[in-house]
PDB file of N, CA and C in Angstrom:
ATOM      1  N   MET A   1     316.416 249.086 101.286  1.00  0.00           N
ATOM      2  CA  MET A   1     317.704 248.641 100.718  1.00  0.00           C
ATOM      3  C   MET A   1     317.539 247.599  99.637  1.00  0.00           C
ATOM      4  N   GLY A   2     318.079 247.855  98.579  1.00  0.00           N
ATOM      5  CA  GLY A   2     317.814 246.920  97.368  1.00  0.00           C
ATOM      6  C   GLY A   2     318.604 245.685  97.416  1.00  0.00           C
ATOM      7  N   ARG A   3     318.256 244.662  96.712  1.00  0.00           N
ATOM      8  CA  ARG A   3     318.792 243.501  96.715  1.00  0.00           C
ATOM      9  C   ARG A   3     319.861 243.381  95.569  1.00  0.00           C
ATOM     10  N   ARG A   4     321.086 242.793  95.876  1.00  0.00           N
ATOM     11  CA  ARG A   4     322.006 242.675  94.939  1.00  0.00           C
ATOM     12  C   ARG A   4     321.778 241.481  94.030  1.00  0.00           C
ATOM     13  N   PRO A   5     322.098 241.539  92.819  1.00  0.00           N
ATOM     14  CA  PRO A   5     321.916 240.247  91.921  1.00  0.00           C
ATOM     15  C   PRO A   5     322.822 239.207  92.320  1.00  0.00           C
ATOM     16  N   LEU A   6     322.370 237.883  91.995  1.00  0.00           N
ATOM     17  CA  LEU A   6     323.371 236.808  92.272  1.00  0.00           C
ATOM     18  C   LEU A   6     324.527 236.840  91.304  1.00  0.00           C
ATOM     19  N   GLY A   7     325.538 236.376  91.795  1.00  0.00           N
ATOM     20  CA  GLY A   7     326.661 236.214  90.822  1.00  0.00           C
ATOM     21  C   GLY A   7     327.701 237.382  91.163  1.00  0.00           C
ATOM     22  N   ARG A   8     328.739 237.456  90.325  1.00  0.00           N
ATOM     23  CA  ARG A   8     329.792 238.354  90.698  1.00  0.00           C
ATOM     24  C   ARG A   8     329.630 239.744  90.090  1.00  0.00           C
ATOM     25  N   ASP A   9     330.050 240.803  90.764  1.00  0.00           N
ATOM     26  CA  ASP A   9     329.954 242.149  90.361  1.00  0.00           C
ATOM     27  C   ASP A   9     330.934 242.258  89.181  1.00  0.00           C
ATOM     28  N   PRO A  10     330.420 242.868  88.038  1.00  0.00           N
ATOM     29  CA  PRO A  10     331.337 242.985  86.831  1.00  0.00           C
ATOM     30  C   PRO A  10     332.592 243.807  87.165  1.00  0.00           C
ATOM     31  N   SER A  11     332.527 244.752  88.047  1.00  0.00           N
ATOM     32  CA  SER A  11     333.797 245.493  88.445  1.00  0.00           C
ATOM     33  C   SER A  11     334.824 244.599  89.046  1.00  0.00           C
ATOM     34  N   GLN A  12     334.354 243.807  89.695  1.00  0.00           N
ATOM     35  CA  GLN A  12     335.259 242.778  90.491  1.00  0.00           C
ATOM     36  C   GLN A  12     335.870 241.738  89.431  1.00  0.00           C
ATOM     37  N   MET A  13     335.069 241.273  88.416  1.00  0.00           N
ATOM     38  CA  MET A  13     335.663 240.390  87.537  1.00  0.00           C
ATOM     39  C   MET A  13     336.745 241.131  86.736  1.00  0.00           C
ATOM     40  N   GLU A  14     336.746 242.371  86.368  1.00  0.00           N
ATOM     41  CA  GLU A  14     337.865 242.894  85.676  1.00  0.00           C
ATOM     42  C   GLU A  14     339.047 243.050  86.446  1.00  0.00           C
ATOM     43  N   ALA A  15     338.883 243.089  87.918  1.00  0.00           N
ATOM     44  CA  ALA A  15     340.076 243.375  88.718  1.00  0.00           C
ATOM     45  C   ALA A  15     340.746 241.912  89.040  1.00  0.00           C
ATOM     46  N   SER A  16     339.945 240.763  88.791  1.00  0.00           N
ATOM     47  CA  SER A  16     340.569 239.645  89.165  1.00  0.00           C
ATOM     48  C   SER A  16     341.699 239.179  88.482  1.00  0.00           C
ATOM     49  N   MET A  17     342.672 238.511  89.163  1.00  0.00           N
ATOM     50  CA  MET A  17     343.948 238.253  88.565  1.00  0.00           C
ATOM     51  C   MET A  17     344.335 236.872  88.390  1.00  0.00           C
ATOM     52  N   ALA A  18     345.027 236.481  87.400  1.00  0.00           N
ATOM     53  CA  ALA A  18     345.464 234.994  87.213  1.00  0.00           C
ATOM     54  C   ALA A  18     346.983 234.919  87.412  1.00  0.00           C
ATOM     55  N   ALA A  19     347.397 233.920  88.033  1.00  0.00           N
ATOM     56  CA  ALA A  19     348.773 233.570  88.285  1.00  0.00           C
ATOM     57  C   ALA A  19     349.500 232.916  87.048  1.00  0.00           C
ATOM     58  N   CYS A  20     350.266 233.608  86.373  1.00  0.00           N
ATOM     59  CA  CYS A  20     350.951 232.956  85.115  1.00  0.00           C
ATOM     60  C   CYS A  20     352.435 232.945  85.279  1.00  0.00           C
ATOM     61  N   ILE A  21     353.013 232.342  84.333  1.00  0.00           N
ATOM     62  CA  ILE A  21     354.452 232.250  84.222  1.00  0.00           C
ATOM     63  C   ILE A  21     355.006 233.134  83.166  1.00  0.00           C
ATOM     64  N   VAL A  22     355.919 234.149  83.532  1.00  0.00           N
ATOM     65  CA  VAL A  22     356.523 235.053  82.482  1.00  0.00           C
ATOM     66  C   VAL A  22     358.009 234.865  82.738  1.00  0.00           C
ATOM     67  N   ASN A  23     358.655 234.313  81.673  1.00  0.00           N
ATOM     68  CA  ASN A  23     360.125 234.060  81.742  1.00  0.00           C
ATOM     69  C   ASN A  23     360.595 233.243  82.954  1.00  0.00           C
ATOM     70  N   GLY A  24     359.839 232.209  83.259  1.00  0.00           N
ATOM     71  CA  GLY A  24     360.054 231.353  84.300  1.00  0.00           C
ATOM     72  C   GLY A  24     359.618 231.793  85.678  1.00  0.00           C
ATOM     73  N   ARG A  25     359.157 233.089  85.922  1.00  0.00           N
ATOM     74  CA  ARG A  25     358.674 233.586  87.157  1.00  0.00           C
ATOM     75  C   ARG A  25     357.174 233.781  87.211  1.00  0.00           C
ATOM     76  N   ARG A  26     356.748 233.338  88.463  1.00  0.00           N
ATOM     77  CA  ARG A  26     355.238 233.527  88.731  1.00  0.00           C
ATOM     78  C   ARG A  26     354.852 235.130  88.750  1.00  0.00           C
ATOM     79  N   VAL A  27     353.951 235.476  87.870  1.00  0.00           N
ATOM     80  CA  VAL A  27     353.506 236.892  88.038  1.00  0.00           C
ATOM     81  C   VAL A  27     351.947 236.866  87.915  1.00  0.00           C
ATOM     82  N   ASP A  28     351.316 237.704  88.807  1.00  0.00           N
ATOM     83  CA  ASP A  28     349.881 238.043  88.663  1.00  0.00           C
ATOM     84  C   ASP A  28     349.426 238.995  87.702  1.00  0.00           C
ATOM     85  N   ILE A  29     348.622 238.504  86.640  1.00  0.00           N
ATOM     86  CA  ILE A  29     348.182 239.373  85.526  1.00  0.00           C
ATOM     87  C   ILE A  29     346.659 239.454  85.600  1.00  0.00           C
ATOM     88  N   PRO A  30     346.132 240.569  84.996  1.00  0.00           N
ATOM     89  CA  PRO A  30     344.569 240.661  84.890  1.00  0.00           C
ATOM     90  C   PRO A  30     344.119 239.431  83.983  1.00  0.00           C
ATOM     91  N   ASN A  31     342.857 238.996  84.299  1.00  0.00           N
ATOM     92  CA  ASN A  31     342.343 237.921  83.430  1.00  0.00           C
ATOM     93  C   ASN A  31     342.013 238.300  81.966  1.00  0.00           C
ATOM     94  N   ALA A  32     342.035 239.531  81.727  1.00  0.00           N
ATOM     95  CA  ALA A  32     342.100 240.110  80.227  1.00  0.00           C
ATOM     96  C   ALA A  32     343.154 241.125  80.235  1.00  0.00           C
ATOM     97  N   ALA A  33     344.238 240.775  79.531  1.00  0.00           N
ATOM     98  CA  ALA A  33     345.396 241.513  79.427  1.00  0.00           C
ATOM     99  C   ALA A  33     346.007 241.808  77.972  1.00  0.00           C
ATOM    100  N   THR A  34     346.612 242.934  77.928  1.00  0.00           N
ATOM    101  CA  THR A  34     347.406 243.264  76.672  1.00  0.00           C
ATOM    102  C   THR A  34     348.756 242.887  76.875  1.00  0.00           C
ATOM    103  N   PRO A  35     349.505 242.767  75.775  1.00  0.00           N
ATOM    104  CA  PRO A  35     351.061 242.484  75.970  1.00  0.00           C
ATOM    105  C   PRO A  35     351.841 243.592  76.883  1.00  0.00           C
ATOM    106  N   GLU A  36     351.342 244.780  76.790  1.00  0.00           N
ATOM    107  CA  GLU A  36     351.936 245.832  77.511  1.00  0.00           C
ATOM    108  C   GLU A  36     351.690 245.594  79.070  1.00  0.00           C
ATOM    109  N   GLU A  37     350.522 245.268  79.369  1.00  0.00           N
ATOM    110  CA  GLU A  37     350.099 244.783  80.792  1.00  0.00           C
ATOM    111  C   GLU A  37     350.998 243.628  81.254  1.00  0.00           C
ATOM    112  N   VAL A  38     351.115 242.585  80.388  1.00  0.00           N
ATOM    113  CA  VAL A  38     351.926 241.474  80.800  1.00  0.00           C
ATOM    114  C   VAL A  38     353.341 242.025  81.023  1.00  0.00           C
ATOM    115  N   ALA A  39     353.923 242.763  80.155  1.00  0.00           N
ATOM    116  CA  ALA A  39     355.282 243.170  80.251  1.00  0.00           C
ATOM    117  C   ALA A  39     355.570 244.133  81.532  1.00  0.00           C
ATOM    118  N   SER A  40     354.629 244.900  81.783  1.00  0.00           N
ATOM    119  CA  SER A  40     354.561 245.815  82.965  1.00  0.00           C
ATOM    120  C   SER A  40     354.680 244.980  84.210  1.00  0.00           C
ATOM    121  N   ALA A  41     353.636 244.118  84.399  1.00  0.00           N
ATOM    122  CA  ALA A  41     353.564 243.205  85.584  1.00  0.00           C
ATOM    123  C   ALA A  41     354.863 242.278  85.760  1.00  0.00           C
ATOM    124  N   ALA A  42     355.460 241.962  84.668  1.00  0.00           N
ATOM    125  CA  ALA A  42     356.627 241.114  84.822  1.00  0.00           C
ATOM    126  C   ALA A  42     358.015 241.951  84.907  1.00  0.00           C
ATOM    127  N   GLY A  43     357.807 243.127  84.805  1.00  0.00           N
ATOM    128  CA  GLY A  43     359.053 244.054  84.902  1.00  0.00           C
ATOM    129  C   GLY A  43     359.952 243.964  83.598  1.00  0.00           C
ATOM    130  N   ILE A  44     359.232 243.734  82.401  1.00  0.00           N
ATOM    131  CA  ILE A  44     360.086 243.592  81.072  1.00  0.00           C
ATOM    132  C   ILE A  44     360.174 244.926  80.484  1.00  0.00           C
ATOM    133  N   ARG A  45     361.289 245.342  80.038  1.00  0.00           N
ATOM    134  CA  ARG A  45     361.508 246.623  79.521  1.00  0.00           C
ATOM    135  C   ARG A  45     360.740 246.904  78.225  1.00  0.00           C
ATOM    136  N   PRO A  46     360.279 248.149  77.953  1.00  0.00           N
ATOM    137  CA  PRO A  46     359.508 248.484  76.697  1.00  0.00           C
ATOM    138  C   PRO A  46     360.346 248.100  75.464  1.00  0.00           C
ATOM    139  N   GLY A  47     359.648 247.671  74.452  1.00  0.00           N
ATOM    140  CA  GLY A  47     360.418 247.466  73.172  1.00  0.00           C
ATOM    141  C   GLY A  47     360.622 246.027  72.888  1.00  0.00           C
ATOM    142  N   ARG A  48     360.244 245.146  73.804  1.00  0.00           N
ATOM    143  CA  ARG A  48     360.371 243.563  73.811  1.00  0.00           C
ATOM    144  C   ARG A  48     359.031 243.085  73.321  1.00  0.00           C
ATOM    145  N   ARG A  49     358.997 242.125  72.512  1.00  0.00           N
ATOM    146  CA  ARG A  49     357.735 241.397  72.129  1.00  0.00           C
ATOM    147  C   ARG A  49     357.376 240.140  73.063  1.00  0.00           C
ATOM    148  N   ILE A  50     356.104 240.228  73.526  1.00  0.00           N
ATOM    149  CA  ILE A  50     355.539 239.336  74.383  1.00  0.00           C
ATOM    150  C   ILE A  50     355.007 237.996  73.488  1.00  0.00           C
ATOM    151  N   ILE A  51     355.399 236.811  73.841  1.00  0.00           N
ATOM    152  CA  ILE A  51     355.004 235.584  73.052  1.00  0.00           C
ATOM    153  C   ILE A  51     354.280 234.727  74.032  1.00  0.00           C
ATOM    154  N   ARG A  52     353.128 234.408  73.673  1.00  0.00           N
ATOM    155  CA  ARG A  52     352.351 233.282  74.505  1.00  0.00           C
ATOM    156  C   ARG A  52     352.657 231.870  73.989  1.00  0.00           C
ATOM    157  N   GLN A  53     352.990 231.100  75.047  1.00  0.00           N
ATOM    158  CA  GLN A  53     353.373 229.685  74.847  1.00  0.00           C
ATOM    159  C   GLN A  53     352.249 228.873  75.165  1.00  0.00           C
ATOM    160  N   THR A  54     351.713 227.896  74.096  1.00  0.00           N
ATOM    161  CA  THR A  54     350.873 226.933  74.396  1.00  0.00           C
ATOM    162  C   THR A  54     351.400 225.548  74.010  1.00  0.00           C
ATOM    163  N   ARG A  55     350.684 224.498  74.160  1.00  0.00           N
ATOM    164  CA  ARG A  55     351.072 223.176  73.624  1.00  0.00           C
ATOM    165  C   ARG A  55     351.134 223.114  72.222  1.00  0.00           C
ATOM    166  N   GLU A  56     350.343 223.965  71.534  1.00  0.00           N
ATOM    167  CA  GLU A  56     350.145 223.991  69.987  1.00  0.00           C
ATOM    168  C   GLU A  56     351.320 224.806  69.395  1.00  0.00           C
ATOM    169  N   GLY A  57     351.844 225.679  70.181  1.00  0.00           N
ATOM    170  CA  GLY A  57     353.043 226.492  69.554  1.00  0.00           C
ATOM    171  C   GLY A  57     353.109 227.956  70.268  1.00  0.00           C
ATOM    172  N   ASN A  58     354.033 228.636  69.632  1.00  0.00           N
ATOM    173  CA  ASN A  58     354.266 230.020  70.167  1.00  0.00           C
ATOM    174  C   ASN A  58     353.501 231.209  69.244  1.00  0.00           C
ATOM    175  N   TYR A  59     352.930 231.954  70.068  1.00  0.00           N
ATOM    176  CA  TYR A  59     351.906 232.896  69.458  1.00  0.00           C
ATOM    177  C   TYR A  59     352.449 234.287  69.934  1.00  0.00           C
ATOM    178  N   PRO A  60     353.041 235.148  69.004  1.00  0.00           N
ATOM    179  CA  PRO A  60     353.232 236.560  69.344  1.00  0.00           C
ATOM    180  C   PRO A  60     351.968 237.353  69.609  1.00  0.00           C
ATOM    181  N   MET A  61     351.939 238.120  70.637  1.00  0.00           N
ATOM    182  CA  MET A  61     350.899 239.153  70.899  1.00  0.00           C
ATOM    183  C   MET A  61     351.178 240.342  70.172  1.00  0.00           C
ATOM    184  N   ASN A  62     349.988 240.889  69.483  1.00  0.00           N
ATOM    185  CA  ASN A  62     350.225 242.051  68.881  1.00  0.00           C
ATOM    186  C   ASN A  62     349.885 243.206  69.877  1.00  0.00           C
ATOM    187  N   PRO A  63     350.606 244.509  69.753  1.00  0.00           N
ATOM    188  CA  PRO A  63     350.502 245.530  70.606  1.00  0.00           C
ATOM    189  C   PRO A  63     348.953 245.908  70.686  1.00  0.00           C
ATOM    190  N   GLY A  64     348.474 246.157  71.889  1.00  0.00           N
ATOM    191  CA  GLY A  64     347.082 246.492  72.097  1.00  0.00           C
ATOM    192  C   GLY A  64     346.050 245.450  72.134  1.00  0.00           C
ATOM    193  N   GLU A  65     346.470 244.131  71.697  1.00  0.00           N
ATOM    194  CA  GLU A  65     345.610 243.041  71.510  1.00  0.00           C
ATOM    195  C   GLU A  65     345.245 242.478  72.951  1.00  0.00           C
ATOM    196  N   ARG A  66     343.989 242.373  73.311  1.00  0.00           N
ATOM    197  CA  ARG A  66     343.566 241.979  74.572  1.00  0.00           C
ATOM    198  C   ARG A  66     343.201 240.327  74.550  1.00  0.00           C
ATOM    199  N   VAL A  67     343.749 239.674  75.497  1.00  0.00           N
ATOM    200  CA  VAL A  67     343.620 238.309  75.384  1.00  0.00           C
ATOM    201  C   VAL A  67     343.100 237.709  76.791  1.00  0.00           C
ATOM    202  N   THR A  68     342.373 236.677  76.844  1.00  0.00           N
ATOM    203  CA  THR A  68     341.996 236.039  78.109  1.00  0.00           C
ATOM    204  C   THR A  68     343.207 235.309  78.556  1.00  0.00           C
ATOM    205  N   VAL A  69     343.306 235.680  79.924  1.00  0.00           N
ATOM    206  CA  VAL A  69     344.628 234.845  80.540  1.00  0.00           C
ATOM    207  C   VAL A  69     343.994 233.876  81.606  1.00  0.00           C
ATOM    208  N   GLY A  70     344.530 232.628  81.698  1.00  0.00           N
ATOM    209  CA  GLY A  70     344.149 231.768  82.664  1.00  0.00           C
ATOM    210  C   GLY A  70     345.314 231.388  83.594  1.00  0.00           C
ATOM    211  N   GLU A  71     344.979 230.724  84.575  1.00  0.00           N
ATOM    212  CA  GLU A  71     345.926 230.241  85.487  1.00  0.00           C
ATOM    213  C   GLU A  71     346.968 229.342  84.873  1.00  0.00           C
ATOM    214  N   ALA A  72     348.217 229.604  85.290  1.00  0.00           N
ATOM    215  CA  ALA A  72     349.371 228.799  84.715  1.00  0.00           C
ATOM    216  C   ALA A  72     349.679 229.030  83.250  1.00  0.00           C
ATOM    217  N   ASP A  73     349.009 230.220  82.575  1.00  0.00           N
ATOM    218  CA  ASP A  73     349.502 230.341  81.193  1.00  0.00           C
ATOM    219  C   ASP A  73     350.965 230.874  81.217  1.00  0.00           C
ATOM    220  N   LYS A  74     351.686 230.541  80.057  1.00  0.00           N
ATOM    221  CA  LYS A  74     353.083 230.863  79.885  1.00  0.00           C
ATOM    222  C   LYS A  74     353.354 231.913  78.819  1.00  0.00           C
ATOM    223  N   PHE A  75     354.201 232.791  79.263  1.00  0.00           N
ATOM    224  CA  PHE A  75     354.715 233.928  78.365  1.00  0.00           C
ATOM    225  C   PHE A  75     356.168 234.063  78.450  1.00  0.00           C
ATOM    226  N   VAL A  76     356.769 234.447  77.320  1.00  0.00           N
ATOM    227  CA  VAL A  76     358.147 234.806  77.338  1.00  0.00           C
ATOM    228  C   VAL A  76     358.168 236.124  76.523  1.00  0.00           C
ATOM    229  N   ASP A  77     359.454 236.832  76.679  1.00  0.00           N
ATOM    230  CA  ASP A  77     359.684 237.972  75.933  1.00  0.00           C
ATOM    231  C   ASP A  77     360.863 237.643  74.937  1.00  0.00           C
ATOM    232  N   ALA A  78     360.972 238.434  73.831  1.00  0.00           N
ATOM    233  CA  ALA A  78     361.996 238.317  72.884  1.00  0.00           C
ATOM    234  C   ALA A  78     362.110 239.674  72.128  1.00  0.00           C
ATOM    235  N   PRO A  79     363.372 239.878  71.535  1.00  0.00           N
ATOM    236  CA  PRO A  79     363.507 241.145  70.743  1.00  0.00           C
ATOM    237  C   PRO A  79     362.484 241.302  69.566  1.00  0.00           C
ATOM    238  N   GLN A  80     362.225 242.394  69.242  1.00  0.00           N
ATOM    239  CA  GLN A  80     361.175 242.679  68.148  1.00  0.00           C
ATOM    240  C   GLN A  80     361.517 241.859  66.843  1.00  0.00           C
ATOM    241  N   ARG A  81     362.710 241.722  66.591  1.00  0.00           N
ATOM    242  CA  ARG A  81     363.162 241.095  65.398  1.00  0.00           C
ATOM    243  C   ARG A  81     362.810 239.492  65.254  1.00  0.00           C
ATOM    244  N   VAL A  82     362.618 238.900  66.377  1.00  0.00           N
ATOM    245  CA  VAL A  82     362.299 237.400  66.417  1.00  0.00           C
ATOM    246  C   VAL A  82     360.836 237.266  66.210  1.00  0.00           C
ATOM    247  N   LYS A  83     360.451 236.350  65.290  1.00  0.00           N
ATOM    248  CA  LYS A  83     359.026 236.008  64.864  1.00  0.00           C
ATOM    249  C   LYS A  83     358.744 234.630  65.604  1.00  0.00           C
ATOM    250  N   GLY A  84     357.693 234.591  66.042  1.00  0.00           N
ATOM    251  CA  GLY A  84     356.986 233.263  66.604  1.00  0.00           C
ATOM    252  C   GLY A  84     356.723 232.306  65.543  1.00  0.00           C
ATOM    253  N   SER A  85     356.670 231.162  65.956  1.00  0.00           N
ATOM    254  CA  SER A  85     356.445 230.007  64.923  1.00  0.00           C
ATOM    255  C   SER A  85     354.947 229.604  65.083  1.00  0.00           C
TER     256      SER A  85
END
């Protein structure tokens, strides 16, 4: 029987989830997520723009862009015509 290397299994790291706030609700999102995954997890209908909120400002996420998500990160959705600041 072979030895397992110390540390976490890479397949488990991808499956780990972060508890985030989306539109004021707690939602579990993968640690590396696209705006489509955030919207799907939060029950947001397609065609809405996902905006990441930080202390520095609001940052719209581009479709297909993968970002690292941490515990208590905040996201909101907005119509496509609204631009982030």
